[in-house]
């Protein structure tokens, strides 16, 4: 009997993905509210955290995949964002120091290496056609590189695309 296929990974960016750049929420900077209406962020919190939709945590937890932070926030994502989203501490992609400049996104090679042949979704606001082509050539398992509009961050439409792909990947 063969081993079950590995669960897909979901590499999750923060800036432009969970923290949209083009919108502001009703909560003032440093003040967000949980489902009970109580303030969820201290006044000295990161100035953009009020833009994070705490509901995204529930949606992300419900996805049939393993979540991984793929962000320059590194472990700060676990310290600041995971509690706000109701997520447990997640693995964090450790980015190698690199001066590499080119049309391929600097995260692309590292994510393919980190995935180690597992199917994955990469959710980011900086993905390009070049990244998609490179991954399709260098990664043998299925992969969805899903670009999010940085002005809006993750939307219902994005979740629908990701959920649909994950269901097909199973």
Protein backbone atom coordinates (compact mmCIF):
# COMPACT_ATOMS: atom_id res chain seq x y z
CA UNK A 1 0.00 0.00 0.00
CA UNK A 2 1.41 3.40 -0.96
CA UNK A 3 1.75 6.34 1.42
CA UNK A 4 -0.93 9.00 1.19
CA UNK A 5 -0.10 12.04 -0.91
CA UNK A 6 1.29 14.93 1.14
CA UNK A 7 -1.14 17.70 2.02
CA UNK A 8 -0.63 20.72 -0.19
CA UNK A 9 1.19 23.66 1.31
CA UNK A 10 -0.09 27.22 1.23
CA UNK A 11 2.70 29.79 1.25
CA UNK A 12 1.20 32.98 2.63
CA UNK A 13 2.58 36.47 2.15
CA UNK A 14 1.55 39.33 4.48
CA UNK A 15 2.08 42.78 2.95
CA UNK A 16 -0.43 43.36 0.18
CA UNK A 17 -2.05 39.98 0.88
CA UNK A 18 -3.27 40.01 4.48
CA UNK A 19 -2.54 43.72 4.86
CA UNK A 20 -4.07 45.51 1.87
CA UNK A 21 -2.37 48.73 0.82
CA UNK A 22 -5.20 50.51 -0.97
CA UNK A 23 -7.96 50.42 1.60
CA UNK A 24 -8.38 51.40 5.15
CA UNK A 25 -10.82 49.81 7.50
CA UNK A 26 -13.27 51.52 9.82
CA UNK A 27 -10.92 50.93 12.75
CA UNK A 28 -8.36 53.68 13.34
CA UNK A 29 -4.66 52.81 13.32
CA UNK A 30 -3.76 50.72 16.36
CA UNK A 31 -7.39 49.80 17.05
CA UNK A 32 -9.10 46.71 15.73
CA UNK A 33 -12.04 44.76 17.09
CA UNK A 34 -12.65 41.08 17.59
CA UNK A 35 -16.01 39.35 17.05
CA UNK A 36 -17.25 40.60 20.43
CA UNK A 37 -16.44 44.21 19.55
CA UNK A 38 -13.60 44.38 22.08
CA UNK A 39 -10.35 46.01 21.04
CA UNK A 40 -8.00 43.30 19.76
CA UNK A 41 -4.87 45.40 19.17
CA UNK A 42 -2.89 47.43 21.67
CA UNK A 43 -2.29 51.08 20.83
CA UNK A 44 1.41 50.38 20.15
CA UNK A 45 0.69 47.61 17.60
CA UNK A 46 2.15 47.71 14.09
CA UNK A 47 0.43 50.67 12.37
CA UNK A 48 -1.06 48.58 9.55
CA UNK A 49 -2.44 45.65 11.57
CA UNK A 50 -5.84 47.34 11.78
CA UNK A 51 -6.19 46.52 8.06
CA UNK A 52 -6.04 42.76 8.69
CA UNK A 53 -9.43 41.05 8.46
CA UNK A 54 -9.54 38.67 11.47
CA UNK A 55 -12.10 36.55 9.54
CA UNK A 56 -9.30 35.50 7.19
CA UNK A 57 -7.93 33.29 9.96
CA UNK A 58 -11.08 31.17 10.04
CA UNK A 59 -11.07 30.90 6.25
CA UNK A 60 -7.39 29.93 6.16
CA UNK A 61 -7.79 27.29 8.91
CA UNK A 62 -10.63 25.69 6.95
CA UNK A 63 -8.51 25.14 3.84
CA UNK A 64 -7.32 21.54 3.22
CA UNK A 65 -3.62 22.42 3.31
CA UNK A 66 -0.73 23.21 5.63
CA UNK A 67 -0.18 26.95 6.09
CA UNK A 68 3.35 28.37 5.94
CA UNK A 69 4.42 32.00 6.33
CA UNK A 70 6.26 33.17 3.19
CA UNK A 71 6.95 36.74 4.17
CA UNK A 72 9.70 39.10 5.19
CA UNK A 73 7.85 39.38 8.51
CA UNK A 74 9.49 36.03 9.32
CA UNK A 75 8.67 34.99 12.94
CA UNK A 76 7.01 38.35 13.60
CA UNK A 77 4.10 36.91 11.59
CA UNK A 78 3.62 34.32 14.34
CA UNK A 79 4.04 36.91 17.09
CA UNK A 80 1.77 39.62 15.66
CA UNK A 81 -0.51 38.15 13.00
CA UNK A 82 -1.22 34.58 14.08
CA UNK A 83 -2.93 35.66 17.35
CA UNK A 84 -4.95 38.33 15.53
CA UNK A 85 -6.11 35.73 12.99
CA UNK A 86 -6.65 32.96 15.54
CA UNK A 87 -3.96 30.83 13.91
CA UNK A 88 -1.48 28.59 15.71
CA UNK A 89 2.21 29.36 15.17
CA UNK A 90 3.02 28.40 11.59
CA UNK A 91 6.24 27.26 9.97
CA UNK A 92 8.20 30.15 8.46
CA UNK A 93 10.20 30.02 5.24
CA UNK A 94 13.73 31.08 6.12
CA UNK A 95 14.93 33.23 3.24
CA UNK A 96 18.58 32.89 2.25
CA UNK A 97 20.61 36.05 1.94
CA UNK A 98 20.75 36.86 -1.73
CA UNK A 99 21.69 39.77 -3.93
CA UNK A 100 19.96 38.11 -6.86
CA UNK A 101 18.26 40.64 -9.11
CA UNK A 102 16.23 39.70 -12.14
CA UNK A 103 12.74 39.19 -13.43
CA UNK A 104 12.19 36.05 -11.32
CA UNK A 105 10.79 36.97 -7.88
CA UNK A 106 13.37 36.51 -5.14
CA UNK A 107 11.01 34.13 -3.25
CA UNK A 108 10.34 31.74 -6.13
CA UNK A 109 13.36 29.43 -5.94
CA UNK A 110 13.20 29.27 -2.14
CA UNK A 111 9.53 28.26 -2.13
CA UNK A 112 10.06 25.48 -4.66
CA UNK A 113 12.99 24.21 -2.60
CA UNK A 114 10.97 24.46 0.65
CA UNK A 115 8.06 22.53 -0.90
CA UNK A 116 10.36 19.56 -1.63
CA UNK A 117 8.10 18.23 -4.37
CA UNK A 118 4.81 18.73 -2.51
CA UNK A 119 1.89 20.45 -4.21
CA UNK A 120 1.58 24.07 -3.15
CA UNK A 121 -0.29 27.33 -3.44
CA UNK A 122 1.65 30.57 -3.23
CA UNK A 123 -0.47 33.60 -2.36
CA UNK A 124 1.33 36.91 -2.90
CA UNK A 125 0.84 40.30 -4.51
CA UNK A 126 4.11 40.20 -6.48
CA UNK A 127 3.82 37.01 -8.53
CA UNK A 128 4.52 37.35 -12.24
CA UNK A 129 4.15 35.23 -15.36
CA UNK A 130 7.91 34.56 -15.16
CA UNK A 131 7.48 33.02 -11.71
CA UNK A 132 4.63 30.83 -12.97
CA UNK A 133 6.69 29.62 -15.92
CA UNK A 134 9.75 28.92 -13.76
CA UNK A 135 7.73 26.92 -11.22
CA UNK A 136 6.01 24.89 -13.95
CA UNK A 137 9.45 23.97 -15.32
CA UNK A 138 11.26 23.32 -12.02
CA UNK A 139 8.56 21.86 -9.75
CA UNK A 140 7.10 18.47 -10.68
CA UNK A 141 4.03 18.59 -8.39
CA UNK A 142 0.98 20.77 -9.01
CA UNK A 143 1.35 24.41 -7.96
CA UNK A 144 -0.95 27.40 -7.98
CA UNK A 145 0.73 30.79 -7.94
CA UNK A 146 -2.12 33.12 -7.06
CA UNK A 147 -1.56 36.85 -7.33
CA UNK A 148 -3.63 39.01 -4.98
CA UNK A 149 -4.49 42.64 -5.74
CA UNK A 150 -2.39 44.53 -3.19
CA UNK A 151 -4.97 47.31 -2.97
CA UNK A 152 -7.62 44.90 -1.69
CA UNK A 153 -5.68 42.01 -0.16
CA UNK A 154 -7.36 38.61 0.04
CA UNK A 155 -10.96 38.71 -1.16
CA UNK A 156 -13.83 36.25 -1.40
CA UNK A 157 -12.90 35.65 -5.04
CA UNK A 158 -9.32 34.77 -4.02
CA UNK A 159 -10.55 32.27 -1.43
CA UNK A 160 -12.87 30.71 -4.03
CA UNK A 161 -9.99 30.22 -6.49
CA UNK A 162 -7.69 28.79 -3.80
CA UNK A 163 -10.35 26.46 -2.37
CA UNK A 164 -11.25 25.19 -5.85
CA UNK A 165 -7.63 24.47 -6.70
CA UNK A 166 -7.00 22.69 -3.39
CA UNK A 167 -10.07 20.48 -3.92
CA UNK A 168 -8.80 19.50 -7.37
CA UNK A 169 -5.27 18.89 -6.05
CA UNK A 170 -6.62 16.29 -3.60
